[in-house]
Amino acid sequence: MRGVDQLPGPVLAEWLVHVLRPLRTAVLIRPGGKSGSGALLRARVGVVAEQCRWPIFAEEAVPEGLAALVMITALGDARVDPALAAAAAAVRPGGLVVELAHPPSLRPWQVLQWLWRTRVMRSAAELRARAWLGFGLYSLEQWAPVDLPRVLVTCGRRRAIPGR
């Protein structure tokens, strides 16, 4: 998924521990397939969450006042699910929101369609960044980890906007 617009970033697990260990963090894992890059991503983040004792949520609401939130999602298109936006709103102003987006699980006959859509997915990453800016994140970064190049990391700080 990494294109010319995403720079290679650090090893994901090491980065998560380094940046988030001292913060009150939760992990939100959206349901996904049992194989592919999504399953590998969920397994790696699950190990880090267990080591750092971060609570893991699936569909239930995350608690208010978090200093950081890690969300694992499938990057299907440019839209941000309203449930994810509500979860990001649980992070206190100035807190860190990290979205780890992986390609959707595909059936064997859909692989050619996926390869054809690579350009569409690159533009979806750009539009995803714009959507997160619209939801009130600032200081936005996007990169792909060196150990999981098919994962798009989008992270930013939550802005305190009166009236929202």
N, C-alpha and C. Protein backbone atom coordinates (compact mmCIF):
# COMPACT_ATOMS: atom_id res chain seq x y z
N MET A 1 0.83 -1.18 0.00
CA MET A 1 0.00 0.00 0.00
C MET A 1 0.87 1.24 0.00
N ARG A 2 2.10 1.13 0.44
CA ARG A 2 2.94 2.32 0.49
C ARG A 2 3.18 2.83 -0.91
N GLY A 3 2.95 4.09 -1.06
CA GLY A 3 3.18 4.73 -2.34
C GLY A 3 4.21 5.81 -2.19
N VAL A 4 4.34 6.63 -3.19
CA VAL A 4 5.31 7.71 -3.13
C VAL A 4 4.90 8.76 -2.11
N ASP A 5 3.60 8.73 -1.71
CA ASP A 5 3.14 9.74 -0.77
C ASP A 5 3.30 9.34 0.68
N GLN A 6 3.61 8.07 0.99
CA GLN A 6 3.84 7.64 2.36
C GLN A 6 5.31 7.32 2.58
N LEU A 7 5.88 7.95 3.57
CA LEU A 7 7.26 7.67 3.92
C LEU A 7 7.34 6.42 4.77
N PRO A 8 8.44 5.67 4.67
CA PRO A 8 8.58 4.52 5.57
C PRO A 8 8.82 5.02 6.99
N GLY A 9 8.17 4.39 7.95
CA GLY A 9 8.30 4.79 9.33
C GLY A 9 9.04 3.74 10.14
N PRO A 10 9.04 3.88 11.45
CA PRO A 10 9.75 2.93 12.31
C PRO A 10 8.99 1.60 12.43
N VAL A 11 9.57 0.66 13.17
CA VAL A 11 8.92 -0.61 13.48
C VAL A 11 7.72 -0.29 14.36
N LEU A 12 6.56 -0.79 13.99
CA LEU A 12 5.31 -0.37 14.62
C LEU A 12 5.26 -0.64 16.12
N ALA A 13 5.57 -1.86 16.56
CA ALA A 13 5.46 -2.21 17.98
C ALA A 13 6.39 -1.34 18.83
N GLU A 14 7.61 -1.14 18.35
CA GLU A 14 8.56 -0.31 19.11
C GLU A 14 8.08 1.13 19.19
N TRP A 15 7.53 1.64 18.10
CA TRP A 15 7.03 3.02 18.10
C TRP A 15 5.87 3.18 19.07
N LEU A 16 4.93 2.22 19.04
CA LEU A 16 3.78 2.29 19.95
C LEU A 16 4.22 2.32 21.41
N VAL A 17 5.13 1.43 21.78
CA VAL A 17 5.61 1.37 23.16
C VAL A 17 6.32 2.66 23.53
N HIS A 18 7.18 3.14 22.66
CA HIS A 18 7.96 4.35 22.95
C HIS A 18 7.06 5.57 23.13
N VAL A 19 6.08 5.72 22.27
CA VAL A 19 5.24 6.92 22.28
C VAL A 19 4.11 6.83 23.31
N LEU A 20 3.53 5.65 23.49
CA LEU A 20 2.29 5.54 24.26
C LEU A 20 2.43 4.93 25.65
N ARG A 21 3.54 4.33 25.99
CA ARG A 21 3.64 3.64 27.27
C ARG A 21 3.31 4.52 28.48
N PRO A 22 3.81 5.75 28.56
CA PRO A 22 3.49 6.53 29.76
C PRO A 22 2.08 7.12 29.78
N LEU A 23 1.31 6.97 28.70
CA LEU A 23 0.00 7.59 28.59
C LEU A 23 -1.12 6.61 28.96
N ARG A 24 -2.25 7.14 29.40
CA ARG A 24 -3.45 6.31 29.62
C ARG A 24 -4.04 6.02 28.24
N THR A 25 -3.81 4.80 27.78
CA THR A 25 -4.12 4.41 26.40
C THR A 25 -5.13 3.28 26.36
N ALA A 26 -5.96 3.26 25.33
CA ALA A 26 -6.87 2.15 25.04
C ALA A 26 -6.71 1.77 23.58
N VAL A 27 -7.09 0.55 23.25
CA VAL A 27 -7.01 0.04 21.88
C VAL A 27 -8.43 -0.34 21.44
N LEU A 28 -8.82 0.14 20.26
CA LEU A 28 -10.11 -0.18 19.67
C LEU A 28 -9.86 -1.00 18.42
N ILE A 29 -10.32 -2.24 18.42
CA ILE A 29 -10.11 -3.13 17.28
C ILE A 29 -11.44 -3.39 16.61
N ARG A 30 -11.54 -2.97 15.37
CA ARG A 30 -12.74 -3.21 14.58
C ARG A 30 -12.70 -4.65 14.06
N PRO A 31 -13.86 -5.31 13.91
CA PRO A 31 -13.86 -6.68 13.41
C PRO A 31 -13.27 -6.74 12.01
N GLY A 32 -12.59 -7.84 11.73
CA GLY A 32 -11.97 -8.01 10.43
C GLY A 32 -11.76 -9.47 10.11
N GLY A 33 -11.08 -9.73 9.00
CA GLY A 33 -10.82 -11.09 8.57
C GLY A 33 -9.85 -11.82 9.48
N LYS A 34 -9.77 -13.12 9.29
CA LYS A 34 -8.91 -13.96 10.12
C LYS A 34 -7.52 -14.13 9.53
N SER A 35 -7.29 -13.57 8.33
CA SER A 35 -5.98 -13.74 7.70
C SER A 35 -5.55 -12.43 7.07
N GLY A 36 -4.36 -12.43 6.54
CA GLY A 36 -3.84 -11.25 5.85
C GLY A 36 -3.20 -10.25 6.78
N SER A 37 -2.98 -9.05 6.25
CA SER A 37 -2.27 -8.02 7.01
C SER A 37 -3.07 -7.53 8.20
N GLY A 38 -4.40 -7.58 8.13
CA GLY A 38 -5.23 -7.16 9.26
C GLY A 38 -5.05 -8.07 10.46
N ALA A 39 -5.02 -9.39 10.23
CA ALA A 39 -4.84 -10.34 11.32
C ALA A 39 -3.46 -10.20 11.94
N LEU A 40 -2.44 -10.01 11.11
CA LEU A 40 -1.08 -9.82 11.62
C LEU A 40 -0.99 -8.53 12.44
N LEU A 41 -1.62 -7.49 11.96
CA LEU A 41 -1.64 -6.21 12.67
C LEU A 41 -2.33 -6.35 14.02
N ARG A 42 -3.50 -6.99 14.04
CA ARG A 42 -4.22 -7.19 15.30
C ARG A 42 -3.40 -8.00 16.29
N ALA A 43 -2.71 -9.03 15.81
CA ALA A 43 -1.89 -9.85 16.69
C ALA A 43 -0.74 -9.05 17.29
N ARG A 44 -0.04 -8.26 16.47
CA ARG A 44 1.09 -7.47 16.99
C ARG A 44 0.65 -6.40 17.98
N VAL A 45 -0.43 -5.72 17.66
CA VAL A 45 -0.92 -4.68 18.57
C VAL A 45 -1.47 -5.32 19.84
N GLY A 46 -2.09 -6.48 19.71
CA GLY A 46 -2.59 -7.20 20.89
C GLY A 46 -1.48 -7.56 21.86
N VAL A 47 -0.34 -8.00 21.33
CA VAL A 47 0.81 -8.33 22.18
C VAL A 47 1.32 -7.08 22.91
N VAL A 48 1.44 -5.99 22.20
CA VAL A 48 1.90 -4.73 22.80
C VAL A 48 0.91 -4.26 23.86
N ALA A 49 -0.39 -4.35 23.56
CA ALA A 49 -1.41 -3.92 24.52
C ALA A 49 -1.36 -4.77 25.78
N GLU A 50 -1.13 -6.05 25.63
CA GLU A 50 -1.04 -6.93 26.79
C GLU A 50 0.19 -6.59 27.63
N GLN A 51 1.33 -6.36 26.98
CA GLN A 51 2.55 -6.01 27.71
C GLN A 51 2.41 -4.70 28.47
N CYS A 52 1.76 -3.73 27.85
CA CYS A 52 1.61 -2.40 28.46
C CYS A 52 0.34 -2.26 29.29
N ARG A 53 -0.47 -3.33 29.33
CA ARG A 53 -1.73 -3.35 30.09
C ARG A 53 -2.72 -2.29 29.63
N TRP A 54 -2.85 -2.15 28.30
CA TRP A 54 -3.84 -1.25 27.74
C TRP A 54 -5.12 -2.04 27.54
N PRO A 55 -6.27 -1.49 27.91
CA PRO A 55 -7.53 -2.20 27.67
C PRO A 55 -7.84 -2.25 26.17
N ILE A 56 -8.44 -3.36 25.76
CA ILE A 56 -8.82 -3.56 24.35
C ILE A 56 -10.33 -3.58 24.26
N PHE A 57 -10.88 -2.79 23.35
CA PHE A 57 -12.32 -2.72 23.13
C PHE A 57 -12.60 -3.16 21.70
N ALA A 58 -13.76 -3.78 21.50
CA ALA A 58 -14.15 -4.19 20.15
C ALA A 58 -15.25 -3.28 19.62
N GLU A 59 -16.43 -3.40 20.15
CA GLU A 59 -17.55 -2.59 19.68
C GLU A 59 -18.06 -1.63 20.75
N GLU A 60 -17.75 -1.90 21.99
CA GLU A 60 -18.28 -1.06 23.06
C GLU A 60 -17.57 0.29 23.08
N ALA A 61 -18.19 1.22 23.76
CA ALA A 61 -17.65 2.59 23.82
C ALA A 61 -16.38 2.62 24.67
N VAL A 62 -15.43 3.40 24.24
CA VAL A 62 -14.19 3.56 25.00
C VAL A 62 -14.43 4.59 26.10
N PRO A 63 -13.70 4.49 27.22
CA PRO A 63 -13.92 5.44 28.32
C PRO A 63 -13.47 6.85 27.96
N GLU A 64 -14.07 7.83 28.62
CA GLU A 64 -13.72 9.23 28.41
C GLU A 64 -12.38 9.56 29.07
N GLY A 65 -11.74 10.62 28.61
CA GLY A 65 -10.54 11.15 29.25
C GLY A 65 -9.26 10.39 28.96
N LEU A 66 -9.22 9.64 27.87
CA LEU A 66 -7.99 8.92 27.51
C LEU A 66 -6.93 9.92 27.05
N ALA A 67 -5.69 9.58 27.29
CA ALA A 67 -4.59 10.39 26.77
C ALA A 67 -4.21 9.94 25.37
N ALA A 68 -4.55 8.69 25.01
CA ALA A 68 -4.24 8.17 23.67
C ALA A 68 -5.20 7.05 23.32
N LEU A 69 -5.49 6.93 22.04
CA LEU A 69 -6.36 5.87 21.53
C LEU A 69 -5.74 5.31 20.26
N VAL A 70 -5.62 3.98 20.20
CA VAL A 70 -5.13 3.28 19.01
C VAL A 70 -6.32 2.56 18.40
N MET A 71 -6.58 2.80 17.11
CA MET A 71 -7.70 2.17 16.42
C MET A 71 -7.18 1.34 15.25
N ILE A 72 -7.65 0.10 15.17
CA ILE A 72 -7.28 -0.77 14.05
C ILE A 72 -8.51 -0.89 13.16
N THR A 73 -8.37 -0.47 11.91
CA THR A 73 -9.50 -0.45 10.98
C THR A 73 -9.06 -0.97 9.62
N ALA A 74 -10.04 -1.24 8.77
CA ALA A 74 -9.77 -1.57 7.37
C ALA A 74 -9.92 -0.29 6.57
N LEU A 75 -8.96 0.00 5.73
CA LEU A 75 -9.01 1.20 4.89
C LEU A 75 -9.74 0.83 3.61
N GLY A 76 -11.05 0.93 3.66
CA GLY A 76 -11.85 0.55 2.50
C GLY A 76 -12.07 1.71 1.56
N ASP A 77 -12.29 2.88 2.12
CA ASP A 77 -12.50 4.06 1.29
C ASP A 77 -12.09 5.28 2.10
N ALA A 78 -12.44 6.42 1.63
CA ALA A 78 -11.97 7.65 2.25
C ALA A 78 -12.78 8.08 3.46
N ARG A 79 -13.92 7.45 3.70
CA ARG A 79 -14.78 7.87 4.80
C ARG A 79 -14.30 7.32 6.13
N VAL A 80 -14.46 8.11 7.18
CA VAL A 80 -14.18 7.67 8.54
C VAL A 80 -15.51 7.29 9.16
N ASP A 81 -15.59 6.08 9.68
CA ASP A 81 -16.81 5.58 10.32
C ASP A 81 -17.18 6.51 11.48
N PRO A 82 -18.45 6.92 11.57
CA PRO A 82 -18.86 7.79 12.67
C PRO A 82 -18.57 7.20 14.06
N ALA A 83 -18.59 5.86 14.18
CA ALA A 83 -18.26 5.23 15.47
C ALA A 83 -16.80 5.49 15.83
N LEU A 84 -15.92 5.51 14.82
CA LEU A 84 -14.51 5.82 15.09
C LEU A 84 -14.35 7.27 15.50
N ALA A 85 -15.09 8.15 14.86
CA ALA A 85 -15.02 9.56 15.22
C ALA A 85 -15.51 9.77 16.65
N ALA A 86 -16.57 9.04 17.05
CA ALA A 86 -17.06 9.14 18.42
C ALA A 86 -16.03 8.60 19.41
N ALA A 87 -15.34 7.53 19.04
CA ALA A 87 -14.30 6.99 19.91
C ALA A 87 -13.15 7.98 20.04
N ALA A 88 -12.79 8.64 18.94
CA ALA A 88 -11.72 9.65 19.00
C ALA A 88 -12.12 10.82 19.87
N ALA A 89 -13.42 11.10 19.95
CA ALA A 89 -13.90 12.19 20.79
C ALA A 89 -13.73 11.87 22.28
N ALA A 90 -13.53 10.60 22.63
CA ALA A 90 -13.31 10.22 24.02
C ALA A 90 -11.91 10.60 24.50
N VAL A 91 -11.03 10.90 23.56
CA VAL A 91 -9.67 11.30 23.91
C VAL A 91 -9.69 12.75 24.37
N ARG A 92 -9.00 13.04 25.46
CA ARG A 92 -9.00 14.41 25.98
C ARG A 92 -8.30 15.35 25.00
N PRO A 93 -8.62 16.63 25.02
CA PRO A 93 -7.96 17.58 24.12
C PRO A 93 -6.44 17.54 24.29
N GLY A 94 -5.76 17.50 23.16
CA GLY A 94 -4.30 17.38 23.16
C GLY A 94 -3.83 15.94 23.15
N GLY A 95 -4.76 14.98 23.33
CA GLY A 95 -4.42 13.57 23.35
C GLY A 95 -4.12 13.05 21.95
N LEU A 96 -3.46 11.91 21.88
CA LEU A 96 -3.02 11.33 20.61
C LEU A 96 -4.02 10.29 20.11
N VAL A 97 -4.41 10.42 18.85
CA VAL A 97 -5.28 9.43 18.19
C VAL A 97 -4.44 8.78 17.10
N VAL A 98 -4.36 7.44 17.14
CA VAL A 98 -3.56 6.69 16.17
C VAL A 98 -4.49 5.71 15.46
N GLU A 99 -4.60 5.85 14.14
CA GLU A 99 -5.37 4.90 13.35
C GLU A 99 -4.40 4.02 12.57
N LEU A 100 -4.54 2.71 12.73
CA LEU A 100 -3.75 1.74 11.98
C LEU A 100 -4.69 1.09 10.98
N ALA A 101 -4.59 1.49 9.73
CA ALA A 101 -5.51 1.01 8.69
C ALA A 101 -4.80 0.00 7.81
N HIS A 102 -5.45 -1.12 7.60
CA HIS A 102 -4.91 -2.18 6.74
C HIS A 102 -5.84 -2.37 5.55
N PRO A 103 -5.35 -2.95 4.47
CA PRO A 103 -6.23 -3.21 3.32
C PRO A 103 -7.33 -4.19 3.74
N PRO A 104 -8.48 -4.11 3.12
CA PRO A 104 -9.56 -5.05 3.46
C PRO A 104 -9.18 -6.47 3.07
N SER A 105 -9.76 -7.45 3.77
CA SER A 105 -9.54 -8.86 3.42
C SER A 105 -10.17 -9.13 2.07
N LEU A 106 -9.45 -9.87 1.25
CA LEU A 106 -9.92 -10.14 -0.11
C LEU A 106 -10.04 -11.63 -0.36
N ARG A 107 -10.98 -11.98 -1.19
CA ARG A 107 -11.10 -13.36 -1.66
C ARG A 107 -10.16 -13.51 -2.86
N PRO A 108 -9.75 -14.72 -3.18
CA PRO A 108 -8.77 -14.90 -4.26
C PRO A 108 -9.15 -14.24 -5.57
N TRP A 109 -10.43 -14.23 -5.92
CA TRP A 109 -10.84 -13.65 -7.20
C TRP A 109 -10.88 -12.11 -7.16
N GLN A 110 -10.65 -11.52 -5.99
CA GLN A 110 -10.67 -10.07 -5.87
C GLN A 110 -9.28 -9.44 -5.92
N VAL A 111 -8.23 -10.26 -5.98
CA VAL A 111 -6.86 -9.74 -5.93
C VAL A 111 -6.58 -8.83 -7.11
N LEU A 112 -6.99 -9.22 -8.32
CA LEU A 112 -6.75 -8.37 -9.49
C LEU A 112 -7.49 -7.05 -9.35
N GLN A 113 -8.69 -7.10 -8.79
CA GLN A 113 -9.45 -5.87 -8.56
C GLN A 113 -8.69 -4.97 -7.57
N TRP A 114 -8.10 -5.57 -6.55
CA TRP A 114 -7.32 -4.80 -5.57
C TRP A 114 -6.11 -4.14 -6.23
N LEU A 115 -5.39 -4.90 -7.06
CA LEU A 115 -4.22 -4.34 -7.74
C LEU A 115 -4.64 -3.18 -8.64
N TRP A 116 -5.79 -3.30 -9.26
CA TRP A 116 -6.29 -2.24 -10.12
C TRP A 116 -6.64 -1.01 -9.30
N ARG A 117 -7.07 -1.22 -8.04
CA ARG A 117 -7.52 -0.11 -7.20
C ARG A 117 -6.38 0.54 -6.41
N THR A 118 -5.12 0.18 -6.62
CA THR A 118 -4.02 0.72 -5.85
C THR A 118 -4.01 2.24 -5.88
N ARG A 119 -4.23 2.80 -7.04
CA ARG A 119 -4.25 4.26 -7.16
C ARG A 119 -5.42 4.84 -6.36
N VAL A 120 -6.55 4.15 -6.38
CA VAL A 120 -7.71 4.58 -5.62
C VAL A 120 -7.38 4.55 -4.13
N MET A 121 -6.67 3.53 -3.67
CA MET A 121 -6.33 3.42 -2.26
C MET A 121 -5.36 4.52 -1.83
N ARG A 122 -4.43 4.90 -2.71
CA ARG A 122 -3.54 6.01 -2.37
C ARG A 122 -4.32 7.29 -2.18
N SER A 123 -5.27 7.54 -3.05
CA SER A 123 -6.07 8.75 -2.89
C SER A 123 -6.97 8.63 -1.66
N ALA A 124 -7.41 7.40 -1.31
CA ALA A 124 -8.21 7.21 -0.10
C ALA A 124 -7.40 7.57 1.13
N ALA A 125 -6.09 7.27 1.12
CA ALA A 125 -5.24 7.64 2.25
C ALA A 125 -5.19 9.16 2.40
N GLU A 126 -5.08 9.86 1.28
CA GLU A 126 -5.07 11.32 1.33
C GLU A 126 -6.41 11.86 1.83
N LEU A 127 -7.48 11.30 1.31
CA LEU A 127 -8.80 11.76 1.74
C LEU A 127 -9.08 11.39 3.19
N ARG A 128 -8.50 10.27 3.64
CA ARG A 128 -8.64 9.87 5.05
C ARG A 128 -8.00 10.91 5.96
N ALA A 129 -6.83 11.40 5.56
CA ALA A 129 -6.17 12.45 6.35
C ALA A 129 -7.04 13.70 6.41
N ARG A 130 -7.63 14.07 5.29
CA ARG A 130 -8.52 15.24 5.27
C ARG A 130 -9.73 15.03 6.18
N ALA A 131 -10.27 13.82 6.18
CA ALA A 131 -11.43 13.53 7.03
C ALA A 131 -11.06 13.65 8.50
N TRP A 132 -9.88 13.14 8.90
CA TRP A 132 -9.47 13.26 10.30
C TRP A 132 -9.23 14.71 10.68
N LEU A 133 -8.72 15.50 9.76
CA LEU A 133 -8.60 16.94 10.03
C LEU A 133 -9.98 17.55 10.25
N GLY A 134 -10.95 17.12 9.49
CA GLY A 134 -12.31 17.60 9.64
C GLY A 134 -12.94 17.20 10.97
N PHE A 135 -12.51 16.07 11.53
CA PHE A 135 -13.02 15.63 12.82
C PHE A 135 -12.30 16.29 14.00
N GLY A 136 -11.37 17.20 13.71
CA GLY A 136 -10.75 17.96 14.79
C GLY A 136 -9.38 17.49 15.20
N LEU A 137 -8.68 16.71 14.36
CA LEU A 137 -7.30 16.35 14.68
C LEU A 137 -6.36 17.36 14.06
N TYR A 138 -5.24 17.62 14.70
CA TYR A 138 -4.22 18.50 14.15
C TYR A 138 -2.87 17.80 14.29
N SER A 139 -1.85 18.39 13.75
CA SER A 139 -0.51 17.82 13.77
C SER A 139 -0.54 16.39 13.21
N LEU A 140 -1.17 16.24 12.07
CA LEU A 140 -1.41 14.93 11.46
C LEU A 140 -0.16 14.40 10.78
N GLU A 141 0.07 13.09 10.94
CA GLU A 141 1.17 12.39 10.26
C GLU A 141 0.60 11.15 9.58
N GLN A 142 1.20 10.76 8.46
CA GLN A 142 0.86 9.50 7.80
C GLN A 142 2.15 8.83 7.37
N TRP A 143 2.28 7.53 7.65
CA TRP A 143 3.44 6.76 7.24
C TRP A 143 3.11 5.28 7.28
N ALA A 144 3.98 4.48 6.73
CA ALA A 144 3.83 3.03 6.75
C ALA A 144 5.01 2.43 7.51
N PRO A 145 4.77 1.54 8.48
CA PRO A 145 5.88 0.95 9.23
C PRO A 145 6.76 0.10 8.33
N VAL A 146 8.03 0.00 8.67
CA VAL A 146 8.94 -0.80 7.84
C VAL A 146 8.64 -2.28 7.95
N ASP A 147 8.11 -2.74 9.09
CA ASP A 147 7.84 -4.16 9.26
C ASP A 147 6.47 -4.57 8.71
N LEU A 148 5.56 -3.64 8.56
CA LEU A 148 4.23 -3.91 8.01
C LEU A 148 3.93 -2.86 6.93
N PRO A 149 4.54 -2.98 5.74
CA PRO A 149 4.39 -1.93 4.73
C PRO A 149 2.98 -1.78 4.18
N ARG A 150 2.09 -2.75 4.43
CA ARG A 150 0.71 -2.64 3.93
C ARG A 150 -0.20 -1.98 4.94
N VAL A 151 0.36 -1.43 6.01
CA VAL A 151 -0.42 -0.75 7.03
C VAL A 151 -0.18 0.75 6.91
N LEU A 152 -1.24 1.52 6.97
CA LEU A 152 -1.14 2.97 6.93
C LEU A 152 -1.38 3.51 8.33
N VAL A 153 -0.40 4.21 8.89
CA VAL A 153 -0.52 4.81 10.21
C VAL A 153 -0.88 6.28 10.02
N THR A 154 -2.00 6.67 10.58
CA THR A 154 -2.42 8.07 10.58
C THR A 154 -2.57 8.47 12.03
N CYS A 155 -1.82 9.45 12.47
CA CYS A 155 -1.92 9.87 13.87
C CYS A 155 -1.94 11.38 13.97
N GLY A 156 -2.61 11.84 15.00
CA GLY A 156 -2.72 13.28 15.22
C GLY A 156 -3.23 13.56 16.62
N ARG A 157 -3.21 14.80 16.97
CA ARG A 157 -3.66 15.26 18.30
C ARG A 157 -5.10 15.76 18.20
N ARG A 158 -5.86 15.51 19.26
CA ARG A 158 -7.25 15.97 19.28
C ARG A 158 -7.32 17.43 19.69
N ARG A 159 -8.01 18.19 18.91
CA ARG A 159 -8.17 19.62 19.16
C ARG A 159 -9.40 19.84 20.04
N ALA A 160 -9.31 20.80 20.93
CA ALA A 160 -10.46 21.20 21.73
C ALA A 160 -11.19 22.30 20.99
N ILE A 161 -12.34 21.98 20.45
CA ILE A 161 -13.12 22.93 19.66
C ILE A 161 -14.39 23.25 20.44
N PRO A 162 -14.58 24.48 20.88
CA PRO A 162 -15.82 24.80 21.59
C PRO A 162 -17.02 24.60 20.67
N GLY A 163 -18.08 24.07 21.28
CA GLY A 163 -19.32 23.88 20.51
C GLY A 163 -19.39 22.61 19.73
N ARG A 164 -18.38 21.73 19.84
CA ARG A 164 -18.42 20.45 19.11
C ARG A 164 -18.60 19.31 20.05
